[in-house]
Amino acid sequence: MENARIIKRRIRSAKNIQQITKAMTMVAASKMRRSQEKALSTRPYSIKLREILAQLAAQVVTEKHKMLQSAQKEGTIGIMLISSDRGLCGALNTNLFRTTEEFKLSLSQQRPEATLEFEFITIGRKAREYVLRTGQLLHAEFTHFPERPSFEDILPITRLAIDGFLSGKFKEMYAVYTDFISTLRQEVDAFRILPVEAKKLELTEAQRPSRLHKEYIFEPNADAVFDALLPHYIEMQVFQIVLEAQASEHSARMVAMRNASENASEIISDLTLQYNRQRQQAITYELADMITARQAVSQTPT
């Protein structure tokens, strides 16, 4: 019965783990709904802000604006890497770091004549650990980010990126994060934050103003308004990707914990079947011993 006791302890352990994973699934589901609502609610504002900038860009000389200028020849490439602070979210961070390495390799292949240097601004403890573990340069770190971040929380990050670009520290700044598609689907995305890509500020046919629209008068002028809106546009981009990353994290954690609970149920079922077989076998052996002993007693001559 020693094996049966071991199996029984394993069943008890699996049930305890299942209770924990079920509780974590419920917590992650609650956080996921809030983060999804916030990420989706800010998307229309980000899209509309880009449209306004696109309309302004059609009326100004974009070459005059530093944030739209082509990349400098000298300087480091900055990567803003957004991960989670905690684990237990499946392959979310693993996919993020693998895509980061592939992205760095693709940039190096696009510019074979130059030796590129990369420096990271990390948001999330897992991103910080990845950068330090791989021996790469860490420019700044932001860990223990609020679960419900506000717009003010990301201002130090964007100010660090903008100042680094304008001072010549970074010739380009990219963001690598996990984009929220749906509860069951999250994709790693990488795009350039600085300098702002001119293609993103081009009007589509639907966005082009008709002749019925009146011309706007800007005070003091269109260039000043454009200069004031560009930093806010970058801040909104960073704010949006942080919200998308958090929604992806909670979604991935809920799915991972739900799968863990289902796996625990299968383990408990298999161990219970094994325990019942072990117990039935022990009972069969005991009955066989009793019958053999009874037959031996009955056959003994008096």
Protein backbone atom coordinates (compact mmCIF):
# COMPACT_ATOMS: atom_id res chain seq x y z
CA MET A 1 0.00 0.00 0.00
CA GLU A 2 3.05 2.26 0.00
CA ASN A 3 2.53 3.07 -3.70
CA ALA A 4 -1.13 3.79 -3.09
CA ARG A 5 -0.25 6.30 -0.37
CA ILE A 6 2.20 8.03 -2.73
CA ILE A 7 -0.46 8.25 -5.45
CA LYS A 8 -2.94 9.63 -2.94
CA ARG A 9 -0.48 12.37 -1.94
CA ARG A 10 0.04 13.24 -5.61
CA ILE A 11 -3.74 13.50 -6.11
CA ARG A 12 -3.97 15.84 -3.12
CA SER A 13 -1.13 17.98 -4.46
CA ALA A 14 -2.72 18.18 -7.92
CA LYS A 15 -6.04 19.25 -6.39
CA ASN A 16 -4.31 22.00 -4.41
CA ILE A 17 -2.56 23.25 -7.54
CA GLN A 18 -5.86 23.15 -9.41
CA GLN A 19 -7.51 25.34 -6.78
CA ILE A 20 -4.71 27.90 -7.11
CA THR A 21 -4.82 27.95 -10.92
CA LYS A 22 -8.63 28.32 -10.89
CA ALA A 23 -8.36 31.29 -8.55
CA MET A 24 -5.64 32.84 -10.72
CA THR A 25 -7.81 32.30 -13.81
CA MET A 26 -10.64 34.27 -12.23
CA VAL A 27 -8.32 37.09 -11.12
CA ALA A 28 -6.68 37.28 -14.56
CA ALA A 29 -10.09 37.30 -16.26
CA SER A 30 -11.19 40.25 -14.15
CA LYS A 31 -8.00 42.20 -14.88
CA MET A 32 -8.19 41.21 -18.54
CA ARG A 33 -11.65 42.72 -18.99
CA ARG A 34 -10.58 46.03 -17.46
CA SER A 35 -7.35 46.24 -19.46
CA GLN A 36 -9.09 45.28 -22.70
CA GLU A 37 -11.76 47.95 -22.23
CA LYS A 38 -9.11 50.60 -21.55
CA ALA A 39 -6.95 49.57 -24.52
CA LEU A 40 -9.90 49.54 -26.89
CA SER A 41 -11.32 52.82 -25.59
CA THR A 42 -8.12 54.78 -26.37
CA ARG A 43 -7.74 53.48 -29.93
CA PRO A 44 -10.24 55.94 -31.52
CA TYR A 45 -8.44 58.90 -29.92
CA SER A 46 -5.05 57.69 -31.19
CA ILE A 47 -6.43 57.22 -34.70
CA LYS A 48 -8.08 60.64 -34.71
CA LEU A 49 -4.90 62.31 -33.46
CA ARG A 50 -2.96 60.75 -36.31
CA GLU A 51 -5.55 62.03 -38.79
CA ILE A 52 -5.24 65.57 -37.40
CA LEU A 53 -1.45 65.41 -37.68
CA ALA A 54 -1.78 64.09 -41.23
CA GLN A 55 -3.95 67.06 -42.18
CA LEU A 56 -1.46 69.44 -40.57
CA ALA A 57 1.48 67.74 -42.26
CA ALA A 58 -0.10 68.51 -45.63
CA GLN A 59 0.11 72.25 -44.82
CA VAL A 60 3.61 72.52 -43.34
CA VAL A 61 7.15 71.88 -44.52
CA THR A 62 7.93 68.64 -42.69
CA GLU A 63 11.71 68.98 -43.29
CA LYS A 64 11.79 71.77 -40.71
CA HIS A 65 10.64 69.53 -37.86
CA LYS A 66 13.35 67.60 -36.03
CA MET A 67 11.15 64.64 -35.07
CA LEU A 68 10.42 63.97 -38.75
CA GLN A 69 13.98 64.24 -39.98
CA SER A 70 15.83 61.26 -41.40
CA ALA A 71 17.93 59.16 -39.09
CA GLN A 72 21.33 60.54 -38.14
CA LYS A 73 24.47 58.80 -39.32
CA GLU A 74 25.91 58.53 -35.83
CA GLY A 75 24.26 57.34 -32.65
CA THR A 76 22.73 54.28 -31.02
CA ILE A 77 19.50 52.57 -31.95
CA GLY A 78 17.13 52.60 -28.98
CA ILE A 79 14.59 49.87 -28.39
CA MET A 80 11.69 50.38 -26.00
CA LEU A 81 10.88 46.85 -24.84
CA ILE A 82 7.57 46.26 -23.02
CA SER A 83 7.11 42.99 -21.10
CA SER A 84 5.35 41.80 -17.96
CA ASP A 85 6.57 42.14 -14.39
CA ARG A 86 5.47 38.61 -13.50
CA GLY A 87 5.50 35.23 -15.15
CA LEU A 88 2.82 32.53 -15.48
CA CYS A 89 1.59 34.00 -18.75
CA GLY A 90 2.51 31.21 -21.12
CA ALA A 91 4.94 31.91 -23.95
CA LEU A 92 4.15 35.64 -24.03
CA ASN A 93 7.58 36.89 -22.91
CA THR A 94 9.45 34.14 -24.74
CA ASN A 95 7.85 35.14 -28.04
CA LEU A 96 8.57 38.79 -27.27
CA PHE A 97 12.29 38.23 -26.69
CA ARG A 98 12.66 35.91 -29.68
CA THR A 99 11.03 38.51 -31.95
CA THR A 100 13.32 41.18 -30.47
CA GLU A 101 16.39 39.19 -31.49
CA GLU A 102 14.94 38.61 -34.97
CA PHE A 103 14.15 42.32 -35.27
CA LYS A 104 17.71 43.30 -34.33
CA LEU A 105 19.06 40.81 -36.87
CA SER A 106 16.82 42.20 -39.62
CA LEU A 107 17.98 45.77 -38.91
CA SER A 108 21.62 44.63 -39.08
CA GLN A 109 20.99 42.84 -42.39
CA GLN A 110 19.33 45.94 -43.85
CA ARG A 111 22.46 47.99 -43.07
CA PRO A 112 25.43 45.67 -43.65
CA GLU A 113 27.81 48.61 -44.09
CA ALA A 114 27.38 49.77 -40.46
CA THR A 115 27.93 48.12 -37.09
CA LEU A 116 24.73 48.80 -35.20
CA GLU A 117 24.67 49.34 -31.46
CA PHE A 118 21.47 48.79 -29.51
CA GLU A 119 20.41 50.23 -26.18
CA PHE A 120 17.23 49.33 -24.32
CA ILE A 121 14.58 51.19 -22.37
CA THR A 122 12.68 48.42 -20.60
CA ILE A 123 9.17 48.49 -19.17
CA GLY A 124 8.60 45.39 -17.04
CA ARG A 125 10.86 43.23 -14.88
CA LYS A 126 11.06 40.39 -17.40
CA ALA A 127 12.41 42.74 -20.08
CA ARG A 128 15.03 44.06 -17.67
CA GLU A 129 16.12 40.52 -16.77
CA TYR A 130 16.34 39.59 -20.46
CA VAL A 131 18.57 42.58 -21.30
CA LEU A 132 20.90 41.96 -18.34
CA ARG A 133 21.01 38.21 -18.93
CA THR A 134 22.02 38.64 -22.58
CA GLY A 135 24.66 41.25 -21.71
CA GLN A 136 23.08 44.10 -23.70
CA LEU A 137 23.11 47.82 -22.86
CA LEU A 138 20.35 49.03 -20.56
CA HIS A 139 19.65 52.77 -20.84
CA ALA A 140 16.74 52.90 -18.36
CA GLU A 141 14.31 50.57 -16.65
CA PHE A 142 10.72 50.96 -15.46
CA THR A 143 9.51 48.08 -13.30
CA HIS A 144 6.42 47.55 -11.15
CA PHE A 145 4.31 49.56 -13.56
CA PRO A 146 0.75 50.24 -12.28
CA GLU A 147 -1.90 47.72 -13.28
CA ARG A 148 -4.11 50.66 -14.24
CA PRO A 149 -1.61 53.07 -15.81
CA SER A 150 -2.60 56.65 -16.40
CA PHE A 151 -1.34 58.94 -19.12
CA GLU A 152 0.94 60.68 -16.61
CA ASP A 153 2.69 57.38 -15.81
CA ILE A 154 4.22 57.14 -19.28
CA LEU A 155 5.38 60.75 -19.55
CA PRO A 156 8.87 60.07 -18.03
CA ILE A 157 9.37 57.25 -20.56
CA THR A 158 8.44 59.34 -23.59
CA ARG A 159 10.45 62.32 -22.32
CA LEU A 160 13.50 60.05 -22.01
CA ALA A 161 13.03 58.80 -25.58
CA ILE A 162 12.38 62.23 -27.10
CA ASP A 163 15.27 63.92 -25.28
CA GLY A 164 17.61 61.09 -26.24
CA PHE A 165 16.64 61.43 -29.91
CA LEU A 166 16.83 65.24 -30.04
CA SER A 167 20.21 65.26 -28.27
CA GLY A 168 21.67 62.75 -30.72
CA LYS A 169 22.02 59.92 -28.20
CA PHE A 170 19.64 57.79 -30.27
CA LYS A 171 19.53 58.01 -34.03
CA GLU A 172 16.35 55.92 -34.03
CA MET A 173 13.90 54.71 -31.41
CA TYR A 174 11.80 51.59 -31.87
CA ALA A 175 9.11 49.97 -29.74
CA VAL A 176 8.76 46.18 -29.42
CA TYR A 177 5.65 45.02 -27.60
CA THR A 178 2.82 42.46 -27.68
CA ASP A 179 -0.21 43.77 -29.55
CA PHE A 180 -3.63 42.70 -28.31
CA ILE A 181 -5.69 41.11 -31.10
CA SER A 182 -8.16 39.02 -29.12
CA THR A 183 -8.33 37.01 -25.92
CA LEU A 184 -6.75 34.00 -27.62
CA ARG A 185 -4.43 35.88 -29.95
CA GLN A 186 -1.57 38.27 -29.20
CA GLU A 187 1.10 39.21 -31.72
CA VAL A 188 4.50 40.81 -31.16
CA ASP A 189 4.85 44.06 -33.10
CA ALA A 190 7.83 46.35 -33.73
CA PHE A 191 7.63 49.82 -35.20
CA ARG A 192 9.64 53.03 -35.29
CA ILE A 193 8.67 55.74 -32.84
CA LEU A 194 11.35 58.31 -33.75
CA PRO A 195 11.84 59.79 -36.19
CA VAL A 196 8.11 59.74 -36.98
CA GLU A 197 7.52 57.96 -40.27
CA ALA A 198 6.20 60.35 -42.90
CA LYS A 199 4.05 57.60 -44.42
CA LYS A 200 1.99 57.44 -41.24
CA LEU A 201 1.17 61.12 -41.66
CA GLU A 202 -0.13 60.82 -45.21
CA LEU A 203 -3.84 61.36 -45.75
CA THR A 204 -5.93 58.63 -47.32
CA GLU A 205 -8.57 59.44 -49.90
CA ALA A 206 -11.29 59.22 -47.25
CA GLN A 207 -9.39 61.63 -44.98
CA ARG A 208 -8.74 64.29 -47.64
CA PRO A 209 -10.89 67.35 -47.03
CA SER A 210 -13.46 68.16 -49.68
CA ARG A 211 -13.83 71.54 -51.34
CA LEU A 212 -16.75 72.26 -49.04
CA HIS A 213 -14.36 72.44 -46.07
CA LYS A 214 -13.17 75.88 -45.08
CA GLU A 215 -9.53 76.71 -44.59
CA TYR A 216 -8.41 76.84 -40.98
CA ILE A 217 -6.52 79.75 -39.43
CA PHE A 218 -3.82 78.61 -37.02
CA GLU A 219 -2.55 80.71 -34.15
CA PRO A 220 0.34 81.40 -34.06
CA ASN A 221 0.87 79.27 -37.20
CA ALA A 222 0.52 75.73 -38.53
CA ASP A 223 4.18 74.88 -37.86
CA ALA A 224 3.88 75.81 -34.16
CA VAL A 225 0.72 73.74 -33.76
CA PHE A 226 2.38 70.84 -35.55
CA ASP A 227 5.44 71.08 -33.25
CA ALA A 228 3.17 71.07 -30.19
CA LEU A 229 1.13 68.07 -31.34
CA LEU A 230 4.07 65.85 -32.37
CA PRO A 231 5.30 65.12 -28.79
CA HIS A 232 1.71 64.46 -27.72
CA TYR A 233 1.32 62.06 -30.64
CA ILE A 234 4.40 60.12 -29.50
CA GLU A 235 3.15 60.11 -25.91
CA MET A 236 -0.18 58.67 -27.04
CA GLN A 237 1.61 56.01 -29.07
CA VAL A 238 3.63 54.90 -26.04
CA PHE A 239 0.54 55.03 -23.82
CA GLN A 240 -1.38 52.89 -26.32
CA ILE A 241 1.32 50.23 -26.63
CA VAL A 242 1.59 49.97 -22.83
CA LEU A 243 -2.18 49.38 -22.64
CA GLU A 244 -2.01 46.85 -25.48
CA ALA A 245 0.84 45.02 -23.75
CA GLN A 246 -1.05 44.84 -20.45
CA ALA A 247 -4.20 43.56 -22.14
CA SER A 248 -2.10 40.90 -23.88
CA GLU A 249 -0.42 39.93 -20.60
CA HIS A 250 -3.67 39.39 -18.68
CA SER A 251 -5.23 37.54 -21.62
CA ALA A 252 -2.23 35.23 -21.94
CA ARG A 253 -2.17 34.62 -18.18
CA MET A 254 -5.88 33.76 -18.09
CA VAL A 255 -5.49 31.29 -20.95
CA ALA A 256 -2.35 29.76 -19.39
CA MET A 257 -4.01 29.30 -15.99
CA ARG A 258 -7.13 27.85 -17.57
CA ASN A 259 -5.00 25.34 -19.50
CA ALA A 260 -3.13 24.53 -16.26
CA SER A 261 -6.45 23.85 -14.50
CA GLU A 262 -7.56 21.54 -17.32
CA ASN A 263 -4.22 19.73 -17.25
CA ALA A 264 -4.54 19.30 -13.48
CA SER A 265 -7.99 17.76 -13.99
CA GLU A 266 -6.53 15.25 -16.44
CA ILE A 267 -3.69 14.40 -14.03
CA ILE A 268 -6.16 13.93 -11.16
CA SER A 269 -8.32 11.67 -13.34
CA ASP A 270 -5.33 9.55 -14.40
CA LEU A 271 -3.97 9.30 -10.85
CA THR A 272 -7.40 8.40 -9.46
CA LEU A 273 -7.71 5.60 -12.01
CA GLN A 274 -4.20 4.41 -11.12
CA TYR A 275 -5.03 4.59 -7.40
CA ASN A 276 -8.24 2.56 -7.86
CA ARG A 277 -6.37 -0.07 -9.86
CA GLN A 278 -3.68 -0.27 -7.18
CA ARG A 279 -6.29 -0.55 -4.45
CA GLN A 280 -8.27 -3.19 -6.38
CA GLN A 281 -5.11 -5.17 -6.96
CA ALA A 282 -4.28 -5.08 -3.26
CA ILE A 283 -7.81 -6.26 -2.37
CA THR A 284 -7.52 -9.08 -4.93
CA TYR A 285 -4.21 -10.23 -3.41
CA GLU A 286 -5.71 -10.18 0.09
CA LEU A 287 -8.71 -12.23 -1.03
CA ALA A 288 -6.45 -14.70 -2.78
CA ASP A 289 -4.37 -15.09 0.39
CA MET A 290 -7.50 -15.61 2.51
CA ILE A 291 -8.89 -18.23 0.12
CA THR A 292 -5.55 -20.04 -0.05
CA ALA A 293 -5.26 -20.06 3.72
CA ARG A 294 -8.83 -21.31 4.11
CA GLN A 295 -8.24 -24.11 1.63
CA ALA A 296 -5.03 -25.08 3.41
CA VAL A 297 -6.86 -25.23 6.77
CA SER A 298 -9.69 -27.28 5.34
CA GLN A 299 -7.33 -29.80 3.77
CA THR A 300 -5.28 -30.30 6.95
CA PRO A 301 -6.03 -33.78 8.43
CA THR A 302 -7.51 -33.74 11.94
